[in-house]
């Protein structure tokens, strides 16, 4: 059993945010911080921060707070950033090109080692000094290089067949932008699904909800 077996998904989802904020503090040469100060910056209660961090051990000292560098390093270790997992991208369209160009993979625990596409016009072009390879060569590359992760930037309709090809090649970890739920086909894969449309609609809901609250407040009768 993993030592992190019983840690909730919500705690794990907060770890990258802690890592990012602590990195920003290091950039400002801040070396020590209390849970209260971190709470004020992150808008998370101090008790929630302490509870989250206590899931992984004791990091702070009474009366001293947290060493920003040590905590940043420890959370990076928990996240596994030092492993530098090898990743391949399938799909060099607008989304794939944007992700491969602007994402700091190395700072997030991964190395982008290959990019594949089936469009003959894209094959041979370079992104980040990585030459786009014909998708027909996917199996031979996987059998030779054994990538840890596949980043899927392909249409939903293409995903089931592509996932089966990758799965047969031993790739079982996916960063999935395709809007297809890979876990429907395979129960032993690790998938992080990214739904940009969902995020945008959540923003739309929050704006709408806030407007309705403002209208409701304005319509309340004044109390003399």
Protein backbone atom coordinates (compact mmCIF):
# COMPACT_ATOMS: atom_id res chain seq x y z
CA UNK A 1 0.00 0.00 0.00
CA UNK A 2 1.26 3.47 -0.90
CA UNK A 3 2.02 5.73 2.06
CA UNK A 4 -0.23 8.30 0.37
CA UNK A 5 -3.08 5.82 -0.17
CA UNK A 6 -5.69 7.56 1.99
CA UNK A 7 -4.96 11.17 1.06
CA UNK A 8 -7.94 12.86 -0.56
CA UNK A 9 -7.92 14.04 -4.16
CA UNK A 10 -8.69 17.58 -2.98
CA UNK A 11 -5.49 17.69 -0.90
CA UNK A 12 -3.45 16.42 -3.85
CA UNK A 13 -5.01 19.05 -6.11
CA UNK A 14 -3.86 21.78 -3.75
CA UNK A 15 -0.21 20.64 -3.76
CA UNK A 16 0.70 22.27 -7.11
CA UNK A 17 -0.75 25.54 -5.84
CA UNK A 18 1.40 25.37 -2.71
CA UNK A 19 4.41 24.58 -4.88
CA UNK A 20 3.71 27.54 -7.17
CA UNK A 21 3.16 30.05 -4.33
CA UNK A 22 6.27 28.89 -2.48
CA UNK A 23 8.28 29.25 -5.70
CA UNK A 24 7.04 32.82 -6.03
CA UNK A 25 8.12 33.52 -2.44
CA UNK A 26 11.61 32.18 -3.21
CA UNK A 27 11.77 34.49 -6.23
CA UNK A 28 11.14 37.37 -3.80
CA UNK A 29 13.90 36.10 -1.44
CA UNK A 30 11.38 35.27 1.31
CA UNK A 31 12.94 32.44 3.30
CA UNK A 32 10.48 31.90 6.13
CA UNK A 33 6.69 32.08 6.40
CA UNK A 34 4.01 31.17 8.92
CA UNK A 35 0.86 29.26 8.08
CA UNK A 36 -1.09 32.45 8.82
CA UNK A 37 0.97 34.49 6.35
CA UNK A 38 0.68 31.73 3.75
CA UNK A 39 -3.06 31.65 4.43
CA UNK A 40 -3.37 35.39 3.76
CA UNK A 41 -1.51 35.07 0.46
CA UNK A 42 -3.33 31.95 -0.80
CA UNK A 43 -6.79 32.64 0.63
CA UNK A 44 -6.87 29.19 2.28
CA UNK A 45 -7.39 28.92 6.03
CA UNK A 46 -4.27 28.37 8.11
CA UNK A 47 -5.84 25.25 9.64
CA UNK A 48 -6.45 23.83 6.15
CA UNK A 49 -2.81 24.42 5.22
CA UNK A 50 -1.60 22.69 8.38
CA UNK A 51 -3.99 19.77 7.83
CA UNK A 52 -2.87 19.38 4.21
CA UNK A 53 0.82 19.42 5.04
CA UNK A 54 0.40 17.12 8.05
CA UNK A 55 -0.84 14.45 5.63
CA UNK A 56 2.76 14.16 4.43
CA UNK A 57 4.69 14.77 7.64
CA UNK A 58 5.64 17.61 9.97
CA UNK A 59 7.27 20.54 8.15
CA UNK A 60 6.86 23.63 10.34
CA UNK A 61 8.30 24.59 13.71
CA UNK A 62 6.33 26.19 16.52
CA UNK A 63 7.20 29.87 16.68
CA UNK A 64 9.27 29.71 13.48
CA UNK A 65 6.85 28.70 10.74
CA UNK A 66 8.01 27.06 7.55
CA UNK A 67 11.31 27.24 5.73
CA UNK A 68 10.11 28.29 2.27
CA UNK A 69 12.98 26.54 0.49
CA UNK A 70 12.64 23.28 2.46
CA UNK A 71 8.85 23.18 2.06
CA UNK A 72 9.09 23.96 -1.66
CA UNK A 73 11.63 21.16 -2.10
CA UNK A 74 9.57 18.69 -0.06
CA UNK A 75 6.36 19.37 -1.97
CA UNK A 76 8.30 19.01 -5.22
CA UNK A 77 9.53 15.65 -3.93
CA UNK A 78 5.98 14.59 -3.00
CA UNK A 79 4.76 15.58 -6.47
CA UNK A 80 7.61 13.59 -8.02
CA UNK A 81 8.97 16.49 -10.07
CA UNK A 82 12.55 15.22 -9.91
CA UNK A 83 11.65 12.02 -11.79
CA UNK A 84 11.50 13.80 -15.17
CA UNK A 85 9.14 11.30 -16.78
CA UNK A 86 9.45 11.02 -20.54
CA UNK A 87 6.40 12.28 -22.44
CA UNK A 88 5.27 12.11 -26.04
CA UNK A 89 2.64 14.30 -27.66
CA UNK A 90 0.21 13.07 -30.28
CA UNK A 91 -1.35 15.89 -32.27
CA UNK A 92 0.62 18.89 -33.51
CA UNK A 93 -2.35 21.10 -34.35
CA UNK A 94 -3.00 24.50 -32.78
CA UNK A 95 -3.55 23.09 -29.27
CA UNK A 96 -0.65 20.67 -29.37
CA UNK A 97 1.67 23.32 -30.75
CA UNK A 98 0.64 25.82 -28.05
CA UNK A 99 1.10 23.30 -25.23
CA UNK A 100 4.43 22.00 -26.47
CA UNK A 101 5.74 25.54 -27.05
CA UNK A 102 4.64 27.27 -23.85
CA UNK A 103 4.48 24.54 -21.18
CA UNK A 104 7.52 24.27 -18.88
CA UNK A 105 7.60 20.48 -18.86
CA UNK A 106 10.98 20.17 -17.16
CA UNK A 107 9.83 22.28 -14.22
CA UNK A 108 6.75 20.10 -13.82
CA UNK A 109 8.39 16.66 -13.76
CA UNK A 110 8.45 15.72 -17.45
CA UNK A 111 10.64 15.74 -20.56
CA UNK A 112 8.91 16.11 -23.92
CA UNK A 113 10.80 13.64 -26.11
CA UNK A 114 8.70 13.29 -29.27
CA UNK A 115 5.74 14.81 -31.14
CA UNK A 116 3.60 12.80 -33.56
CA UNK A 117 1.04 13.77 -36.19
CA UNK A 118 -0.58 12.11 -39.19
CA UNK A 119 -0.69 15.28 -41.30
CA UNK A 120 1.97 14.91 -44.00
CA UNK A 121 2.31 18.72 -44.16
CA UNK A 122 3.39 18.87 -40.50
CA UNK A 123 5.79 15.91 -40.51
CA UNK A 124 9.39 17.11 -40.48
CA UNK A 125 8.57 20.51 -39.00
CA UNK A 126 10.08 21.34 -35.61
CA UNK A 127 8.55 22.49 -32.34
CA UNK A 128 10.98 23.20 -29.48
CA UNK A 129 13.70 21.63 -31.61
CA UNK A 130 11.68 18.39 -31.70
CA UNK A 131 10.93 17.15 -35.19
CA UNK A 132 7.32 16.12 -35.77
CA UNK A 133 7.24 12.40 -36.57
CA UNK A 134 4.72 10.46 -38.62
CA UNK A 135 2.14 8.77 -36.35
CA UNK A 136 2.75 5.58 -38.31
CA UNK A 137 6.05 5.30 -36.43
CA UNK A 138 4.40 5.49 -33.00
CA UNK A 139 4.70 1.77 -32.20
CA UNK A 140 8.35 1.51 -33.16
CA UNK A 141 9.20 4.60 -31.10
CA UNK A 142 7.34 3.30 -28.04
CA UNK A 143 8.97 -0.12 -28.23
CA UNK A 144 12.40 1.46 -28.49
CA UNK A 145 12.10 4.41 -26.07
CA UNK A 146 9.36 3.30 -23.61
CA UNK A 147 7.77 6.71 -22.91
CA UNK A 148 6.06 7.10 -19.55
CA UNK A 149 3.26 9.46 -20.62
CA UNK A 150 1.26 10.30 -23.72
CA UNK A 151 -0.24 13.77 -24.18
CA UNK A 152 -3.33 13.48 -26.35
CA UNK A 153 -4.18 16.56 -28.42
CA UNK A 154 -6.34 14.79 -30.97
CA UNK A 155 -10.07 14.89 -31.80
CA UNK A 156 -12.37 12.85 -29.59
CA UNK A 157 -13.25 10.48 -32.44
CA UNK A 158 -9.61 9.53 -32.92
CA UNK A 159 -8.92 8.85 -29.24
CA UNK A 160 -10.25 5.28 -28.69
CA UNK A 161 -8.14 3.73 -31.48
CA UNK A 162 -5.11 5.83 -30.52
CA UNK A 163 -5.41 4.86 -26.86
CA UNK A 164 -5.57 1.18 -27.78
CA UNK A 165 -2.39 1.53 -29.83
CA UNK A 166 -0.60 3.25 -26.97
CA UNK A 167 -1.92 0.80 -24.38
CA UNK A 168 -0.65 -2.19 -26.37
CA UNK A 169 2.73 -0.43 -26.50
CA UNK A 170 2.75 -0.24 -22.69
CA UNK A 171 1.82 3.43 -22.28
CA UNK A 172 -0.67 3.69 -19.42
CA UNK A 173 -0.37 7.32 -18.29
CA UNK A 174 -2.16 10.12 -20.15
CA UNK A 175 -2.58 13.86 -20.11
CA UNK A 176 -5.78 13.92 -22.08
CA UNK A 177 -7.14 16.93 -23.99
CA UNK A 178 -9.30 14.82 -26.32
CA UNK A 179 -12.55 14.91 -24.28
CA UNK A 180 -12.73 11.10 -24.49
CA UNK A 181 -12.85 9.22 -21.19
CA UNK A 182 -10.04 6.68 -21.51
CA UNK A 183 -10.96 4.98 -18.24
CA UNK A 184 -14.08 3.62 -19.96
CA UNK A 185 -11.83 1.26 -21.93
CA UNK A 186 -9.01 0.62 -19.45
CA UNK A 187 -9.31 0.35 -15.68
CA UNK A 188 -5.57 0.36 -14.97
CA UNK A 189 -4.58 3.64 -16.63
CA UNK A 190 -3.77 6.94 -14.97
CA UNK A 191 -5.53 9.79 -16.74
CA UNK A 192 -5.56 13.51 -16.06
CA UNK A 193 -8.39 14.86 -18.20
CA UNK A 194 -8.25 18.52 -19.22
CA UNK A 195 -11.56 20.06 -20.31
CA UNK A 196 -10.94 23.68 -21.27
CA UNK A 197 -14.58 24.10 -22.32
CA UNK A 198 -15.73 22.99 -18.87
CA UNK A 199 -13.44 25.53 -17.21
CA UNK A 200 -14.78 28.29 -19.44
CA UNK A 201 -18.39 27.34 -18.66
CA UNK A 202 -17.65 27.34 -14.93
CA UNK A 203 -16.32 30.88 -15.34
CA UNK A 204 -19.54 31.75 -17.22
CA UNK A 205 -21.62 30.33 -14.36
CA UNK A 206 -19.69 32.27 -11.72
CA UNK A 207 -20.05 35.55 -13.63
CA UNK A 208 -23.78 34.93 -14.10
CA UNK A 209 -24.24 33.95 -10.46
CA UNK A 210 -22.38 37.05 -9.28
CA UNK A 211 -24.53 39.29 -11.49
CA UNK A 212 -27.71 37.73 -10.11
CA UNK A 213 -26.49 38.29 -6.56
CA UNK A 214 -25.76 41.94 -7.34
CA UNK A 215 -29.21 42.41 -8.91
CA UNK A 216 -30.81 40.73 -5.91
CA UNK A 217 -28.94 43.05 -3.53
CA UNK A 218 -29.94 46.12 -5.48
CA UNK A 219 -33.60 45.10 -5.41
CA UNK A 220 -33.67 44.67 -1.63
CA UNK A 221 -35.73 47.38 0.09
CA UNK A 222 -33.74 49.92 2.07
CA UNK A 223 -34.05 49.69 5.83
CA UNK A 224 -34.71 53.11 7.37
